[in-house]
Amino acid sequence: MHDAPADAHVPDNKDVWLVIPVYNEAQVIADVVEHARQTFPNIVCVDDGSRDGSAAAIAPTGAHLVQHPINMGQGAALETGLRYALNRPGAEYFVTFDADGQHRVEDALRMLEVARSGQADVVLGSRFLESRETVPWLKRFVLKTVVALSPTARKLKLTDAHNGLRVLNRPAAEGLRIRMNGMAHASEIVGKLARSNWRVAEIPVTILYTDYSRAKGQSLVNGVNILFELSLRHRGV
């Protein structure tokens, strides 16, 4: 390992906001937030109508807490969190980050480096650019099926259209309006990216599959539901 030069500029990340949608994550959310706040001082958690005390777990962590009175879906929670963060003074970069402990802070930092360098307006994490981890076979099948059936994902040459770890600069975050309240928001985001002039980069990340996150993760049924929801939208239903 090489030490950084003494005069090297190390970002303090005060211009970064982590946006964490939360639904029934009381078991882990405090640990996730407290660990992330060691690197990112600005975090907004959007408690999406949790019934398990997630809000009480977030309260002492120092993160900003916004609450939906009812469960509206992950897409709605992300939209609420992004609008909140965009209104904070000095906010320039926005990281969408899962609440269940699957995402790594070091991956978010590497993605931010790409955004700060000006190479991309939006940086997406991918589980499949490198095969150094074992993605559960059912999840791998669902995610690859979604990519294969998505013309927009193919247009952007993405390998992972449903990774919740994303970095957006301010212009991209301002222009992104998430309308799909449920899990189909991920495909909606990819569609908007494909129709935009934003520069999109995808870099490899590692997802931490714990017993807890596996139990909370997206199942094959959810994957089918995503495709069904999007097909209804395309038909104007």
Foldseek 3Di string as FASTA:
>chain_A
DDDDPPPDDDDQQQQEEEQEEDAQQLVFQLVVLLVLCVRHVEYEYEYQCHDNCNVVSCVVNNYHYHYDVHHQAPLVSRLVRLVVQLPDPNHWKYKYDYRNQFFDSVVLVVQVVCVVVVVFQKEAEDAPPDVPDDDPPQVQVLQQVVCVPQPLSVLLPHRGQQGRTMMGTSVLSVPDHQDDRYSLSSSVSSNVVSVDPTGYHYDYGGTDDDVRCVVVDDGSVNSVVSVVVVVCVVVVD
